[in-house]
PDB file of N, CA and C in Angstrom:
ATOM      1  N   UNK A   1      61.972-130.879-127.208  1.00  0.00           N
ATOM      2  CA  UNK A   1      61.641-129.616-126.595  1.00  0.00           C
ATOM      3  C   UNK A   1      62.509-128.600-127.245  1.00  0.00           C
ATOM      4  N   UNK A   2      61.905-127.549-127.679  1.00  0.00           N
ATOM      5  CA  UNK A   2      62.657-126.458-128.316  1.00  0.00           C
ATOM      6  C   UNK A   2      63.058-125.372-127.249  1.00  0.00           C
ATOM      7  N   UNK A   3      63.705-124.344-127.701  1.00  0.00           N
ATOM      8  CA  UNK A   3      64.226-123.295-126.743  1.00  0.00           C
ATOM      9  C   UNK A   3      63.125-122.588-126.082  1.00  0.00           C
ATOM     10  N   UNK A   4      62.116-122.275-126.839  1.00  0.00           N
ATOM     11  CA  UNK A   4      60.913-121.522-126.211  1.00  0.00           C
ATOM     12  C   UNK A   4      60.277-122.386-125.149  1.00  0.00           C
ATOM     13  N   UNK A   5      60.077-123.630-125.371  1.00  0.00           N
ATOM     14  CA  UNK A   5      59.488-124.524-124.354  1.00  0.00           C
ATOM     15  C   UNK A   5      60.378-124.679-123.168  1.00  0.00           C
ATOM     16  N   UNK A   6      61.748-124.733-123.454  1.00  0.00           N
ATOM     17  CA  UNK A   6      62.680-124.823-122.284  1.00  0.00           C
ATOM     18  C   UNK A   6      62.600-123.588-121.507  1.00  0.00           C
ATOM     19  N   UNK A   7      62.502-122.406-122.082  1.00  0.00           N
ATOM     20  CA  UNK A   7      62.379-121.195-121.316  1.00  0.00           C
ATOM     21  C   UNK A   7      61.113-121.186-120.502  1.00  0.00           C
ATOM     22  N   UNK A   8      59.999-121.616-121.099  1.00  0.00           N
ATOM     23  CA  UNK A   8      58.768-121.706-120.358  1.00  0.00           C
ATOM     24  C   UNK A   8      58.836-122.641-119.191  1.00  0.00           C
ATOM     25  N   UNK A   9      59.545-123.775-119.385  1.00  0.00           N
ATOM     26  CA  UNK A   9      59.723-124.686-118.262  1.00  0.00           C
ATOM     27  C   UNK A   9      60.544-124.040-117.116  1.00  0.00           C
ATOM     28  N   UNK A  10      61.664-123.288-117.483  1.00  0.00           N
ATOM     29  CA  UNK A  10      62.431-122.603-116.474  1.00  0.00           C
ATOM     30  C   UNK A  10      61.587-121.513-115.789  1.00  0.00           C
ATOM     31  N   UNK A  11      60.800-120.847-116.468  1.00  0.00           N
ATOM     32  CA  UNK A  11      59.928-119.827-115.945  1.00  0.00           C
ATOM     33  C   UNK A  11      58.935-120.478-114.973  1.00  0.00           C
ATOM     34  N   UNK A  12      58.449-121.612-115.371  1.00  0.00           N
ATOM     35  CA  UNK A  12      57.501-122.355-114.461  1.00  0.00           C
ATOM     36  C   UNK A  12      58.235-122.780-113.153  1.00  0.00           C
ATOM     37  N   UNK A  13      59.431-123.170-113.278  1.00  0.00           N
ATOM     38  CA  UNK A  13      60.191-123.583-112.114  1.00  0.00           C
ATOM     39  C   UNK A  13      60.547-122.425-111.201  1.00  0.00           C
ATOM     40  N   UNK A  14      60.644-121.235-111.768  1.00  0.00           N
ATOM     41  CA  UNK A  14      61.031-120.141-110.972  1.00  0.00           C
ATOM     42  C   UNK A  14      59.919-119.325-110.371  1.00  0.00           C
ATOM     43  N   UNK A  15      58.672-119.748-110.627  1.00  0.00           N
ATOM     44  CA  UNK A  15      57.477-119.103-110.012  1.00  0.00           C
ATOM     45  C   UNK A  15      57.462-119.324-108.462  1.00  0.00           C
ATOM     46  N   UNK A  16      57.139-118.256-107.735  1.00  0.00           N
ATOM     47  CA  UNK A  16      56.968-118.509-106.334  1.00  0.00           C
ATOM     48  C   UNK A  16      55.726-119.258-106.089  1.00  0.00           C
ATOM     49  N   UNK A  17      55.734-120.130-105.093  1.00  0.00           N
ATOM     50  CA  UNK A  17      54.635-120.886-104.688  1.00  0.00           C
ATOM     51  C   UNK A  17      54.121-121.890-105.697  1.00  0.00           C
ATOM     52  N   UNK A  18      54.995-122.211-106.644  1.00  0.00           N
ATOM     53  CA  UNK A  18      54.518-123.188-107.620  1.00  0.00           C
ATOM     54  C   UNK A  18      54.598-124.679-107.065  1.00  0.00           C
ATOM     55  N   UNK A  19      53.814-125.457-107.686  1.00  0.00           N
ATOM     56  CA  UNK A  19      53.827-126.886-107.346  1.00  0.00           C
ATOM     57  C   UNK A  19      55.153-127.553-107.855  1.00  0.00           C
ATOM     58  N   UNK A  20      55.502-128.577-107.368  1.00  0.00           N
ATOM     59  CA  UNK A  20      56.701-129.318-107.883  1.00  0.00           C
ATOM     60  C   UNK A  20      56.547-129.609-109.476  1.00  0.00           C
ATOM     61  N   UNK A  21      57.572-129.482-110.155  1.00  0.00           N
ATOM     62  CA  UNK A  21      57.520-129.615-111.626  1.00  0.00           C
ATOM     63  C   UNK A  21      57.049-131.055-112.025  1.00  0.00           C
ATOM     64  N   UNK A  22      57.314-132.054-111.202  1.00  0.00           N
ATOM     65  CA  UNK A  22      56.877-133.401-111.505  1.00  0.00           C
ATOM     66  C   UNK A  22      55.442-133.540-111.695  1.00  0.00           C
ATOM     67  N   UNK A  23      54.700-132.790-110.938  1.00  0.00           N
ATOM     68  CA  UNK A  23      53.196-132.822-111.059  1.00  0.00           C
ATOM     69  C   UNK A  23      52.799-132.380-112.494  1.00  0.00           C
ATOM     70  N   UNK A  24      53.365-131.365-112.992  1.00  0.00           N
ATOM     71  CA  UNK A  24      53.063-130.834-114.324  1.00  0.00           C
ATOM     72  C   UNK A  24      53.586-131.832-115.400  1.00  0.00           C
ATOM     73  N   UNK A  25      54.838-132.361-115.169  1.00  0.00           N
ATOM     74  CA  UNK A  25      55.369-133.288-116.165  1.00  0.00           C
ATOM     75  C   UNK A  25      54.520-134.582-116.292  1.00  0.00           C
ATOM     76  N   UNK A  26      54.001-135.032-115.093  1.00  0.00           N
ATOM     77  CA  UNK A  26      53.198-136.220-115.219  1.00  0.00           C
ATOM     78  C   UNK A  26      51.879-136.007-116.048  1.00  0.00           C
ATOM     79  N   UNK A  27      51.307-134.881-115.869  1.00  0.00           N
ATOM     80  CA  UNK A  27      50.097-134.550-116.695  1.00  0.00           C
ATOM     81  C   UNK A  27      50.478-134.334-118.127  1.00  0.00           C
ATOM     82  N   UNK A  28      51.559-133.694-118.357  1.00  0.00           N
ATOM     83  CA  UNK A  28      52.082-133.455-119.696  1.00  0.00           C
ATOM     84  C   UNK A  28      52.361-134.778-120.467  1.00  0.00           C
ATOM     85  N   UNK A  29      52.984-135.687-119.725  1.00  0.00           N
ATOM     86  CA  UNK A  29      53.486-136.945-120.388  1.00  0.00           C
ATOM     87  C   UNK A  29      52.181-137.748-120.917  1.00  0.00           C
ATOM     88  N   UNK A  30      51.073-137.595-120.328  1.00  0.00           N
ATOM     89  CA  UNK A  30      49.849-138.258-120.693  1.00  0.00           C
ATOM     90  C   UNK A  30      49.178-137.628-121.916  1.00  0.00           C
ATOM     91  N   UNK A  31      49.588-136.404-122.270  1.00  0.00           N
ATOM     92  CA  UNK A  31      48.944-135.694-123.422  1.00  0.00           C
ATOM     93  C   UNK A  31      49.866-135.838-124.667  1.00  0.00           C
ATOM     94  N   UNK A  32      49.225-135.835-125.779  1.00  0.00           N
ATOM     95  CA  UNK A  32      49.922-135.883-127.024  1.00  0.00           C
ATOM     96  C   UNK A  32      49.919-134.457-127.664  1.00  0.00           C
ATOM     97  N   UNK A  33      50.677-133.633-127.021  1.00  0.00           N
ATOM     98  CA  UNK A  33      50.755-132.239-127.462  1.00  0.00           C
ATOM     99  C   UNK A  33      52.152-131.739-127.068  1.00  0.00           C
ATOM    100  N   UNK A  34      52.494-130.536-127.585  1.00  0.00           N
ATOM    101  CA  UNK A  34      53.785-129.957-127.163  1.00  0.00           C
ATOM    102  C   UNK A  34      53.630-129.296-125.828  1.00  0.00           C
ATOM    103  N   UNK A  35      54.771-129.043-125.197  1.00  0.00           N
ATOM    104  CA  UNK A  35      54.815-128.446-123.897  1.00  0.00           C
ATOM    105  C   UNK A  35      54.147-127.061-123.906  1.00  0.00           C
ATOM    106  N   UNK A  36      54.402-126.403-125.005  1.00  0.00           N
ATOM    107  CA  UNK A  36      53.850-124.985-125.199  1.00  0.00           C
ATOM    108  C   UNK A  36      52.326-125.072-125.246  1.00  0.00           C
ATOM    109  N   UNK A  37      51.799-126.025-125.931  1.00  0.00           N
ATOM    110  CA  UNK A  37      50.316-126.129-126.057  1.00  0.00           C
ATOM    111  C   UNK A  37      49.719-126.592-124.716  1.00  0.00           C
ATOM    112  N   UNK A  38      50.469-127.499-124.087  1.00  0.00           N
ATOM    113  CA  UNK A  38      50.024-127.903-122.701  1.00  0.00           C
ATOM    114  C   UNK A  38      49.891-126.737-121.795  1.00  0.00           C
ATOM    115  N   UNK A  39      50.866-125.794-121.842  1.00  0.00           N
ATOM    116  CA  UNK A  39      50.889-124.644-120.961  1.00  0.00           C
ATOM    117  C   UNK A  39      49.597-123.767-121.368  1.00  0.00           C
ATOM    118  N   UNK A  40      49.311-123.604-122.596  1.00  0.00           N
ATOM    119  CA  UNK A  40      48.188-122.737-122.963  1.00  0.00           C
ATOM    120  C   UNK A  40      46.878-123.429-122.618  1.00  0.00           C
ATOM    121  N   UNK A  41      46.828-124.756-122.666  1.00  0.00           N
ATOM    122  CA  UNK A  41      45.639-125.440-122.418  1.00  0.00           C
ATOM    123  C   UNK A  41      45.339-125.523-120.837  1.00  0.00           C
ATOM    124  N   UNK A  42      46.379-125.513-120.084  1.00  0.00           N
ATOM    125  CA  UNK A  42      46.199-125.612-118.622  1.00  0.00           C
ATOM    126  C   UNK A  42      46.017-124.276-118.037  1.00  0.00           C
ATOM    127  N   UNK A  43      45.955-124.246-116.680  1.00  0.00           N
ATOM    128  CA  UNK A  43      45.822-122.964-116.005  1.00  0.00           C
ATOM    129  C   UNK A  43      47.184-122.305-115.789  1.00  0.00           C
ATOM    130  N   UNK A  44      48.284-122.860-116.303  1.00  0.00           N
ATOM    131  CA  UNK A  44      49.621-122.366-116.119  1.00  0.00           C
ATOM    132  C   UNK A  44      49.938-121.034-116.820  1.00  0.00           C
ATOM    133  N   UNK A  45      49.401-120.838-118.045  1.00  0.00           N
ATOM    134  CA  UNK A  45      49.620-119.663-118.888  1.00  0.00           C
ATOM    135  C   UNK A  45      51.118-119.257-118.902  1.00  0.00           C
ATOM    136  N   UNK A  46      51.742-119.461-120.026  1.00  0.00           N
ATOM    137  CA  UNK A  46      53.176-119.134-120.098  1.00  0.00           C
ATOM    138  C   UNK A  46      53.397-117.629-119.959  1.00  0.00           C
ATOM    139  N   UNK A  47      54.558-117.294-119.353  1.00  0.00           N
ATOM    140  CA  UNK A  47      54.965-115.916-119.182  1.00  0.00           C
ATOM    141  C   UNK A  47      56.440-115.919-119.501  1.00  0.00           C
ATOM    142  N   UNK A  48      56.917-114.679-119.771  1.00  0.00           N
ATOM    143  CA  UNK A  48      58.369-114.500-120.038  1.00  0.00           C
ATOM    144  C   UNK A  48      59.028-114.455-118.655  1.00  0.00           C
ATOM    145  N   UNK A  49      60.258-114.937-118.689  1.00  0.00           N
ATOM    146  CA  UNK A  49      61.090-114.803-117.408  1.00  0.00           C
ATOM    147  C   UNK A  49      61.378-113.367-117.176  1.00  0.00           C
ATOM    148  N   UNK A  50      61.528-112.978-115.945  1.00  0.00           N
ATOM    149  CA  UNK A  50      61.683-111.614-115.567  1.00  0.00           C
ATOM    150  C   UNK A  50      62.878-110.996-116.247  1.00  0.00           C
ATOM    151  N   UNK A  51      63.938-111.693-116.279  1.00  0.00           N
ATOM    152  CA  UNK A  51      65.194-111.236-116.953  1.00  0.00           C
ATOM    153  C   UNK A  51      64.980-110.974-118.369  1.00  0.00           C
ATOM    154  N   UNK A  52      64.371-111.785-119.066  1.00  0.00           N
ATOM    155  CA  UNK A  52      64.117-111.641-120.504  1.00  0.00           C
ATOM    156  C   UNK A  52      63.130-110.498-120.745  1.00  0.00           C
ATOM    157  N   UNK A  53      62.078-110.408-119.847  1.00  0.00           N
ATOM    158  CA  UNK A  53      61.153-109.345-120.035  1.00  0.00           C
ATOM    159  C   UNK A  53      61.821-107.922-119.759  1.00  0.00           C
ATOM    160  N   UNK A  54      62.655-107.850-118.721  1.00  0.00           N
ATOM    161  CA  UNK A  54      63.398-106.670-118.501  1.00  0.00           C
ATOM    162  C   UNK A  54      64.283-106.155-119.624  1.00  0.00           C
ATOM    163  N   UNK A  55      65.045-107.176-120.200  1.00  0.00           N
ATOM    164  CA  UNK A  55      65.880-106.815-121.321  1.00  0.00           C
ATOM    165  C   UNK A  55      65.078-106.430-122.557  1.00  0.00           C
ATOM    166  N   UNK A  56      64.004-107.112-122.832  1.00  0.00           N
ATOM    167  CA  UNK A  56      63.185-106.749-123.901  1.00  0.00           C
ATOM    168  C   UNK A  56      62.629-105.333-123.731  1.00  0.00           C
ATOM    169  N   UNK A  57      62.064-105.077-122.556  1.00  0.00           N
ATOM    170  CA  UNK A  57      61.535-103.671-122.361  1.00  0.00           C
ATOM    171  C   UNK A  57      62.627-102.584-122.538  1.00  0.00           C
ATOM    172  N   UNK A  58      63.772-102.932-122.003  1.00  0.00           N
ATOM    173  CA  UNK A  58      64.899-101.906-122.185  1.00  0.00           C
ATOM    174  C   UNK A  58      65.273-101.592-123.573  1.00  0.00           C
ATOM    175  N   UNK A  59      65.378-102.713-124.361  1.00  0.00           N
ATOM    176  CA  UNK A  59      65.749-102.547-125.757  1.00  0.00           C
ATOM    177  C   UNK A  59      64.643-101.913-126.637  1.00  0.00           C
ATOM    178  N   UNK A  60      63.433-102.252-126.352  1.00  0.00           N
ATOM    179  CA  UNK A  60      62.312-101.634-127.044  1.00  0.00           C
ATOM    180  C   UNK A  60      62.256-100.130-126.752  1.00  0.00           C
ATOM    181  N   UNK A  61      62.464 -99.768-125.519  1.00  0.00           N
ATOM    182  CA  UNK A  61      62.476 -98.301-125.215  1.00  0.00           C
ATOM    183  C   UNK A  61      63.644 -97.643-125.869  1.00  0.00           C
ATOM    184  N   UNK A  62      64.779 -98.266-126.014  1.00  0.00           N
ATOM    185  CA  UNK A  62      65.899 -97.610-126.743  1.00  0.00           C
ATOM    186  C   UNK A  62      65.590 -97.450-128.222  1.00  0.00           C
ATOM    187  N   UNK A  63      64.981 -98.441-128.789  1.00  0.00           N
ATOM    188  CA  UNK A  63      64.556 -98.401-130.261  1.00  0.00           C
ATOM    189  C   UNK A  63      63.561 -97.263-130.456  1.00  0.00           C
ATOM    190  N   UNK A  64      62.630 -97.210-129.575  1.00  0.00           N
ATOM    191  CA  UNK A  64      61.606 -96.106-129.722  1.00  0.00           C
ATOM    192  C   UNK A  64      62.222 -94.752-129.604  1.00  0.00           C
ATOM    193  N   UNK A  65      63.153 -94.643-128.666  1.00  0.00           N
ATOM    194  CA  UNK A  65      63.837 -93.374-128.480  1.00  0.00           C
ATOM    195  C   UNK A  65      64.644 -93.009-129.721  1.00  0.00           C
ATOM    196  N   UNK A  66      65.337 -93.938-130.345  1.00  0.00           N
ATOM    197  CA  UNK A  66      66.111 -93.731-131.522  1.00  0.00           C
ATOM    198  C   UNK A  66      65.169 -93.352-132.757  1.00  0.00           C
ATOM    199  N   UNK A  67      64.125 -94.091-132.858  1.00  0.00           N
ATOM    200  CA  UNK A  67      63.256 -93.857-133.989  1.00  0.00           C
ATOM    201  C   UNK A  67      62.445 -92.548-133.929  1.00  0.00           C
ATOM    202  N   UNK A  68      61.993 -92.218-132.741  1.00  0.00           N
ATOM    203  CA  UNK A  68      61.090 -91.096-132.561  1.00  0.00           C
ATOM    204  C   UNK A  68      61.696 -89.938-131.725  1.00  0.00           C
ATOM    205  N   UNK A  69      63.069 -89.929-131.732  1.00  0.00           N
ATOM    206  CA  UNK A  69      63.660 -88.866-131.032  1.00  0.00           C
ATOM    207  C   UNK A  69      63.413 -87.489-131.696  1.00  0.00           C
ATOM    208  N   UNK A  70      63.043 -86.537-130.922  1.00  0.00           N
ATOM    209  CA  UNK A  70      62.738 -85.191-131.488  1.00  0.00           C
ATOM    210  C   UNK A  70      63.781 -84.264-131.177  1.00  0.00           C
TER     211      UNK A  70
END
């Protein structure tokens, strides 16, 4: 499991009203694919963790401000 897949698993664990992780891991263990591909193929659809999304948005807005400051 790489860092991106680990982050996706953490995000999956942090979702409100999510099913227990073991349900997903049992399905994943029967497939011959990466966890990332499993997420895309299932109804889970990977998302960024809120903390990472907030930091990303903050830094992108700072970059835009620096580049296009008038």
